[in-house]
Amino acid sequence: MGWRLFGGLSAILAGIAARKLMVKSWRVTTGANPPANPAAPGTQWREAVPYALASGAAMGLARMLATRKAAGYYRKSTGHLPPGMEEVT
């Protein structure tokens, strides 16, 4: 139960940080605000597709990095990896 809470919280915080970084990066790169909802019919394809791809990759990477870091901390604290995180050999 502890790992689920710790791992979930780390993923949520990583997602929030990734979103903020993604919005800031989008503004710097394009000079405009990112689409509020890329799936909305009023959002143009040329804006929706790149934003969806970039934000999906950023969120996935942030979540993976946070989960790996949390699992490493868990391993140091308990001496073993959390359930479901066993290394495949």
N, C-alpha and C. Protein backbone atom coordinates (compact mmCIF):
# COMPACT_ATOMS: atom_id res chain seq x y z
N MET A 1 0.83 -1.20 0.00
CA MET A 1 0.00 0.00 0.00
C MET A 1 0.87 1.26 0.00
N GLY A 2 1.97 1.21 0.74
CA GLY A 2 2.86 2.36 0.81
C GLY A 2 3.46 2.71 -0.54
N TRP A 3 3.85 1.67 -1.30
CA TRP A 3 4.43 1.92 -2.61
C TRP A 3 3.41 2.54 -3.55
N ARG A 4 2.19 2.06 -3.52
CA ARG A 4 1.16 2.60 -4.42
C ARG A 4 0.96 4.09 -4.16
N LEU A 5 0.93 4.46 -2.89
CA LEU A 5 0.77 5.86 -2.52
C LEU A 5 1.99 6.67 -2.96
N PHE A 6 3.18 6.18 -2.63
CA PHE A 6 4.42 6.89 -2.94
C PHE A 6 4.65 6.97 -4.45
N GLY A 7 4.48 5.84 -5.14
CA GLY A 7 4.67 5.82 -6.58
C GLY A 7 3.64 6.68 -7.31
N GLY A 8 2.39 6.62 -6.86
CA GLY A 8 1.33 7.43 -7.46
C GLY A 8 1.55 8.92 -7.26
N LEU A 9 1.95 9.29 -6.06
CA LEU A 9 2.20 10.70 -5.76
C LEU A 9 3.37 11.23 -6.58
N SER A 10 4.41 10.43 -6.71
CA SER A 10 5.56 10.89 -7.51
C SER A 10 5.16 11.07 -8.97
N ALA A 11 4.33 10.18 -9.50
CA ALA A 11 3.87 10.30 -10.89
C ALA A 11 3.00 11.53 -11.08
N ILE A 12 2.15 11.82 -10.13
CA ILE A 12 1.28 13.00 -10.22
C ILE A 12 2.11 14.28 -10.19
N LEU A 13 3.06 14.35 -9.27
CA LEU A 13 3.90 15.55 -9.19
C LEU A 13 4.75 15.72 -10.45
N ALA A 14 5.23 14.62 -10.99
CA ALA A 14 6.01 14.68 -12.23
C ALA A 14 5.13 15.17 -13.38
N GLY A 15 3.88 14.73 -13.42
CA GLY A 15 2.96 15.17 -14.46
C GLY A 15 2.67 16.66 -14.39
N ILE A 16 2.52 17.17 -13.17
CA ILE A 16 2.28 18.60 -12.98
C ILE A 16 3.50 19.40 -13.46
N ALA A 17 4.68 18.95 -13.06
CA ALA A 17 5.91 19.64 -13.47
C ALA A 17 6.09 19.58 -14.99
N ALA A 18 5.81 18.42 -15.58
CA ALA A 18 5.95 18.27 -17.03
C ALA A 18 4.97 19.18 -17.76
N ARG A 19 3.77 19.29 -17.26
CA ARG A 19 2.77 20.16 -17.89
C ARG A 19 3.23 21.61 -17.87
N LYS A 20 3.73 22.06 -16.71
CA LYS A 20 4.20 23.44 -16.61
C LYS A 20 5.37 23.69 -17.57
N LEU A 21 6.29 22.75 -17.62
CA LEU A 21 7.43 22.88 -18.52
C LEU A 21 6.97 22.86 -19.98
N MET A 22 6.00 22.02 -20.29
CA MET A 22 5.50 21.91 -21.65
C MET A 22 4.83 23.22 -22.09
N VAL A 23 4.03 23.81 -21.22
CA VAL A 23 3.36 25.07 -21.54
C VAL A 23 4.39 26.17 -21.77
N LYS A 24 5.38 26.24 -20.88
CA LYS A 24 6.42 27.26 -21.02
C LYS A 24 7.22 27.05 -22.30
N SER A 25 7.58 25.81 -22.59
CA SER A 25 8.34 25.50 -23.80
C SER A 25 7.54 25.85 -25.06
N TRP A 26 6.25 25.55 -25.03
CA TRP A 26 5.39 25.84 -26.18
C TRP A 26 5.34 27.34 -26.44
N ARG A 27 5.21 28.11 -25.36
CA ARG A 27 5.15 29.57 -25.51
C ARG A 27 6.45 30.12 -26.08
N VAL A 28 7.57 29.62 -25.59
CA VAL A 28 8.87 30.08 -26.08
C VAL A 28 9.07 29.70 -27.54
N THR A 29 8.70 28.48 -27.88
CA THR A 29 8.91 27.96 -29.23
C THR A 29 7.99 28.61 -30.26
N THR A 30 6.70 28.73 -29.93
CA THR A 30 5.73 29.21 -30.91
C THR A 30 5.35 30.68 -30.73
N GLY A 31 5.57 31.22 -29.55
CA GLY A 31 5.15 32.60 -29.28
C GLY A 31 3.68 32.72 -28.95
N ALA A 32 2.99 31.58 -28.81
CA ALA A 32 1.56 31.58 -28.51
C ALA A 32 1.28 30.60 -27.37
N ASN A 33 0.12 30.75 -26.77
CA ASN A 33 -0.30 29.81 -25.75
C ASN A 33 -0.63 28.46 -26.39
N PRO A 34 -0.40 27.37 -25.68
CA PRO A 34 -0.76 26.06 -26.23
C PRO A 34 -2.28 25.92 -26.31
N PRO A 35 -2.76 25.02 -27.14
CA PRO A 35 -4.22 24.83 -27.21
C PRO A 35 -4.75 24.34 -25.86
N ALA A 36 -5.85 24.94 -25.43
CA ALA A 36 -6.43 24.55 -24.14
C ALA A 36 -6.91 23.11 -24.18
N ASN A 37 -7.48 22.70 -25.31
CA ASN A 37 -7.95 21.34 -25.47
C ASN A 37 -7.69 20.90 -26.91
N PRO A 38 -6.59 20.18 -27.13
CA PRO A 38 -6.27 19.78 -28.50
C PRO A 38 -7.35 18.92 -29.16
N ALA A 39 -8.18 18.26 -28.37
CA ALA A 39 -9.22 17.39 -28.92
C ALA A 39 -10.47 18.16 -29.33
N ALA A 40 -10.58 19.43 -28.95
CA ALA A 40 -11.77 20.21 -29.28
C ALA A 40 -11.84 20.45 -30.78
N PRO A 41 -13.03 20.35 -31.36
CA PRO A 41 -13.18 20.53 -32.80
C PRO A 41 -12.71 21.91 -33.30
N GLY A 42 -12.72 22.91 -32.46
CA GLY A 42 -12.30 24.25 -32.87
C GLY A 42 -10.79 24.43 -32.93
N THR A 43 -10.05 23.51 -32.39
CA THR A 43 -8.59 23.59 -32.42
C THR A 43 -8.09 23.10 -33.78
N GLN A 44 -7.25 23.88 -34.41
CA GLN A 44 -6.76 23.51 -35.74
C GLN A 44 -5.79 22.33 -35.64
N TRP A 45 -5.82 21.48 -36.65
CA TRP A 45 -4.99 20.27 -36.68
C TRP A 45 -3.51 20.61 -36.57
N ARG A 46 -3.09 21.66 -37.27
CA ARG A 46 -1.66 22.00 -37.29
C ARG A 46 -1.15 22.42 -35.91
N GLU A 47 -2.05 22.74 -35.01
CA GLU A 47 -1.68 23.09 -33.65
C GLU A 47 -1.93 21.92 -32.71
N ALA A 48 -3.00 21.19 -32.92
CA ALA A 48 -3.39 20.11 -32.02
C ALA A 48 -2.44 18.92 -32.08
N VAL A 49 -2.06 18.50 -33.28
CA VAL A 49 -1.23 17.30 -33.43
C VAL A 49 0.16 17.48 -32.81
N PRO A 50 0.89 18.55 -33.15
CA PRO A 50 2.22 18.69 -32.53
C PRO A 50 2.14 18.82 -31.00
N TYR A 51 1.13 19.54 -30.52
CA TYR A 51 1.02 19.71 -29.07
C TYR A 51 0.68 18.38 -28.39
N ALA A 52 -0.22 17.61 -28.98
CA ALA A 52 -0.57 16.31 -28.40
C ALA A 52 0.64 15.38 -28.39
N LEU A 53 1.40 15.36 -29.46
CA LEU A 53 2.59 14.50 -29.53
C LEU A 53 3.64 14.93 -28.50
N ALA A 54 3.92 16.21 -28.46
CA ALA A 54 4.95 16.71 -27.55
C ALA A 54 4.53 16.55 -26.09
N SER A 55 3.29 16.88 -25.77
CA SER A 55 2.86 16.77 -24.38
C SER A 55 2.75 15.31 -23.94
N GLY A 56 2.32 14.44 -24.83
CA GLY A 56 2.26 13.01 -24.49
C GLY A 56 3.63 12.44 -24.20
N ALA A 57 4.60 12.81 -25.04
CA ALA A 57 5.98 12.34 -24.82
C ALA A 57 6.55 12.91 -23.53
N ALA A 58 6.32 14.19 -23.28
CA ALA A 58 6.83 14.83 -22.06
C ALA A 58 6.22 14.21 -20.81
N MET A 59 4.92 13.95 -20.84
CA MET A 59 4.24 13.34 -19.68
C MET A 59 4.74 11.92 -19.45
N GLY A 60 4.86 11.15 -20.51
CA GLY A 60 5.33 9.77 -20.38
C GLY A 60 6.75 9.71 -19.83
N LEU A 61 7.62 10.57 -20.34
CA LEU A 61 9.00 10.60 -19.88
C LEU A 61 9.08 11.03 -18.42
N ALA A 62 8.35 12.07 -18.06
CA ALA A 62 8.36 12.56 -16.67
C ALA A 62 7.86 11.48 -15.72
N ARG A 63 6.80 10.81 -16.10
CA ARG A 63 6.24 9.76 -15.24
C ARG A 63 7.22 8.60 -15.08
N MET A 64 7.87 8.20 -16.18
CA MET A 64 8.83 7.12 -16.12
C MET A 64 10.02 7.49 -15.22
N LEU A 65 10.54 8.70 -15.40
CA LEU A 65 11.67 9.13 -14.58
C LEU A 65 11.31 9.20 -13.10
N ALA A 66 10.13 9.73 -12.80
CA ALA A 66 9.69 9.83 -11.41
C ALA A 66 9.49 8.46 -10.79
N THR A 67 8.91 7.54 -11.53
CA THR A 67 8.67 6.19 -11.01
C THR A 67 10.00 5.47 -10.77
N ARG A 68 10.94 5.63 -11.68
CA ARG A 68 12.26 5.02 -11.50
C ARG A 68 12.96 5.58 -10.27
N LYS A 69 12.89 6.89 -10.09
CA LYS A 69 13.52 7.52 -8.94
C LYS A 69 12.86 7.05 -7.65
N ALA A 70 11.53 6.99 -7.64
CA ALA A 70 10.81 6.54 -6.45
C ALA A 70 11.13 5.08 -6.15
N ALA A 71 11.23 4.24 -7.18
CA ALA A 71 11.56 2.83 -6.98
C ALA A 71 12.97 2.68 -6.42
N GLY A 72 13.89 3.53 -6.87
CA GLY A 72 15.25 3.51 -6.34
C GLY A 72 15.28 3.88 -4.87
N TYR A 73 14.51 4.88 -4.51
CA TYR A 73 14.42 5.29 -3.10
C TYR A 73 13.79 4.17 -2.27
N TYR A 74 12.76 3.56 -2.81
CA TYR A 74 12.09 2.45 -2.12
C TYR A 74 13.07 1.30 -1.90
N ARG A 75 13.87 1.01 -2.93
CA ARG A 75 14.84 -0.08 -2.83
C ARG A 75 15.88 0.22 -1.74
N LYS A 76 16.36 1.46 -1.69
CA LYS A 76 17.33 1.84 -0.66
C LYS A 76 16.73 1.74 0.73
N SER A 77 15.46 2.06 0.84
CA SER A 77 14.79 2.06 2.15
C SER A 77 14.43 0.66 2.63
N THR A 78 14.06 -0.22 1.72
CA THR A 78 13.56 -1.54 2.12
C THR A 78 14.50 -2.69 1.77
N GLY A 79 15.43 -2.46 0.86
CA GLY A 79 16.33 -3.52 0.44
C GLY A 79 15.83 -4.31 -0.76
N HIS A 80 14.66 -3.98 -1.26
CA HIS A 80 14.12 -4.67 -2.44
C HIS A 80 13.25 -3.70 -3.24
N LEU A 81 13.03 -4.06 -4.49
CA LEU A 81 12.19 -3.23 -5.35
C LEU A 81 10.73 -3.36 -4.94
N PRO A 82 9.92 -2.36 -5.26
CA PRO A 82 8.49 -2.44 -4.95
C PRO A 82 7.82 -3.56 -5.75
N PRO A 83 6.66 -4.02 -5.30
CA PRO A 83 5.93 -5.06 -6.02
C PRO A 83 5.64 -4.62 -7.46
N GLY A 84 5.89 -5.52 -8.38
CA GLY A 84 5.63 -5.23 -9.79
C GLY A 84 6.77 -4.52 -10.49
N MET A 85 7.84 -4.19 -9.78
CA MET A 85 8.96 -3.49 -10.36
C MET A 85 10.22 -4.34 -10.43
N GLU A 86 10.05 -5.65 -10.29
CA GLU A 86 11.20 -6.54 -10.32
C GLU A 86 11.92 -6.41 -11.65
N GLU A 87 13.23 -6.51 -11.60
CA GLU A 87 14.03 -6.40 -12.83
C GLU A 87 13.91 -7.69 -13.62
N VAL A 88 13.78 -7.54 -14.92
CA VAL A 88 13.68 -8.68 -15.83
C VAL A 88 15.10 -9.01 -16.29
N THR A 89 15.46 -10.28 -16.18
CA THR A 89 16.81 -10.68 -16.61
C THR A 89 16.75 -11.54 -17.84
